[in-house]
C-alpha atoms as a PDB file:
ATOM      1  CA  MET A   1     117.254  78.146 105.363  1.00  0.00           C
ATOM      2  CA  ASN A   2     117.745  77.004 108.902  1.00  0.00           C
ATOM      3  CA  GLY A   3     114.421  75.130 109.120  1.00  0.00           C
ATOM      4  CA  ARG A   4     112.743  77.666 111.419  1.00  0.00           C
ATOM      5  CA  LYS A   5     109.435  79.243 110.549  1.00  0.00           C
ATOM      6  CA  PHE A   6     109.643  82.819 109.286  1.00  0.00           C
ATOM      7  CA  LEU A   7     107.260  83.917 112.044  1.00  0.00           C
ATOM      8  CA  ASP A   8     107.138  81.491 114.937  1.00  0.00           C
ATOM      9  CA  GLU A   9     103.855  82.356 116.640  1.00  0.00           C
ATOM     10  CA  SER A  10     104.563  80.037 119.562  1.00  0.00           C
ATOM     11  CA  ASN A  11     107.217  82.498 120.744  1.00  0.00           C
ATOM     12  CA  HIS A  12     104.781  85.407 120.746  1.00  0.00           C
ATOM     13  CA  ARG A  13     101.469  83.960 121.912  1.00  0.00           C
ATOM     14  CA  LYS A  14     100.795  81.729 124.874  1.00  0.00           C
ATOM     15  CA  GLY A  15      97.674  79.717 125.592  1.00  0.00           C
ATOM     16  CA  THR A  16      95.471  77.219 123.822  1.00  0.00           C
ATOM     17  CA  GLY A  17      92.337  77.315 121.725  1.00  0.00           C
ATOM     18  CA  ASN A  18      91.066  80.779 120.813  1.00  0.00           C
ATOM     19  CA  GLN A  19      93.621  82.474 123.069  1.00  0.00           C
ATOM     20  CA  ALA A  20      96.428  81.349 120.773  1.00  0.00           C
ATOM     21  CA  ASN A  21      94.843  83.331 117.920  1.00  0.00           C
ATOM     22  CA  ALA A  22      93.985  86.422 119.979  1.00  0.00           C
ATOM     23  CA  LEU A  23      95.667  89.662 118.918  1.00  0.00           C
ATOM     24  CA  THR A  24      97.952  91.490 121.300  1.00  0.00           C
ATOM     25  CA  THR A  25      97.260  95.125 122.153  1.00  0.00           C
ATOM     26  CA  GLN A  26     100.112  96.163 119.879  1.00  0.00           C
ATOM     27  CA  GLU A  27      98.832  94.066 116.958  1.00  0.00           C
ATOM     28  CA  GLN A  28      95.350  95.539 117.430  1.00  0.00           C
ATOM     29  CA  ALA A  29      96.860  99.055 117.325  1.00  0.00           C
ATOM     30  CA  VAL A  30      98.552  98.252 113.993  1.00  0.00           C
ATOM     31  CA  LEU A  31      95.285  96.997 112.477  1.00  0.00           C
ATOM     32  CA  GLU A  32      93.369 100.055 113.714  1.00  0.00           C
ATOM     33  CA  THR A  33      96.005 102.340 112.210  1.00  0.00           C
ATOM     34  CA  ILE A  34      95.791 100.530 108.857  1.00  0.00           C
ATOM     35  CA  ARG A  35      91.998 100.777 108.827  1.00  0.00           C
ATOM     36  CA  ALA A  36      92.135 104.503 109.675  1.00  0.00           C
ATOM     37  CA  THR A  37      94.541 105.311 106.805  1.00  0.00           C
ATOM     38  CA  PRO A  38      92.691 105.519 103.466  1.00  0.00           C
ATOM     39  CA  PHE A  39      95.778 106.650 101.481  1.00  0.00           C
ATOM     40  CA  GLY A  40      99.342 106.488 102.720  1.00  0.00           C
ATOM     41  CA  THR A  41     101.736 104.187 104.520  1.00  0.00           C
ATOM     42  CA  VAL A  42     101.913 102.437 107.871  1.00  0.00           C
ATOM     43  CA  GLU A  43     105.372 101.575 109.183  1.00  0.00           C
ATOM     44  CA  VAL A  44     105.787  99.140 112.073  1.00  0.00           C
ATOM     45  CA  VAL A  45     109.001  99.463 114.094  1.00  0.00           C
ATOM     46  CA  LEU A  46     110.185  96.341 115.914  1.00  0.00           C
ATOM     47  CA  HIS A  47     112.726  95.821 118.674  1.00  0.00           C
ATOM     48  CA  GLN A  48     113.585  92.220 119.531  1.00  0.00           C
ATOM     49  CA  SER A  49     110.468  91.000 117.678  1.00  0.00           C
ATOM     50  CA  ARG A  50     108.174  93.326 119.626  1.00  0.00           C
ATOM     51  CA  ILE A  51     106.185  96.232 118.188  1.00  0.00           C
ATOM     52  CA  VAL A  52     107.518  99.436 119.725  1.00  0.00           C
ATOM     53  CA  GLN A  53     106.254 102.079 117.300  1.00  0.00           C
ATOM     54  CA  VAL A  54     103.678 102.569 114.567  1.00  0.00           C
ATOM     55  CA  VAL A  55     104.254 105.427 112.124  1.00  0.00           C
ATOM     56  CA  ARG A  56     101.393 106.577 109.911  1.00  0.00           C
ATOM     57  CA  THR A  57     101.950 108.788 106.875  1.00  0.00           C
ATOM     58  CA  GLU A  58      98.684 109.835 105.275  1.00  0.00           C
ATOM     59  CA  LYS A  59      98.316 111.262 101.782  1.00  0.00           C
ATOM     60  CA  VAL A  60      95.735 113.967 101.275  1.00  0.00           C
ATOM     61  CA  LYS A  61      94.483 114.239  97.707  1.00  0.00           C
ATOM     62  CA  LEU A  62      93.481 117.762  96.739  1.00  0.00           C
ATOM     63  CA  GLU A  63      91.131 118.591  93.900  1.00  0.00           C
ATOM     64  CA  PRO A  64      92.071 121.558  91.706  1.00  0.00           C
ATOM     65  CA  ASP A  65      90.055 124.671  92.536  1.00  0.00           C
ATOM     66  CA  SER A  66      87.860 125.327  89.460  1.00  0.00           C
ATOM     67  CA  GLN A  67      87.375 129.031  90.375  1.00  0.00           C
ATOM     68  CA  GLN A  68      91.083 129.756  90.513  1.00  0.00           C
ATOM     69  CA  ARG A  69      92.653 130.485  87.086  1.00  0.00           C
END
């Protein structure tokens, strides 16, 4: 290891106090996508440590039709 933190928050968030812990618009979008996906995957695409795309793949579970035989 080179001694650096895996995720150095000081490079991504500026400010002091509660502002340092505030979510960016992009981070908020990721959380909203996760919460809106009951079954599936959420993929976050980064470019130079910035969120540029959020891909949501949702699974839809189907129940067998009991009338169809």
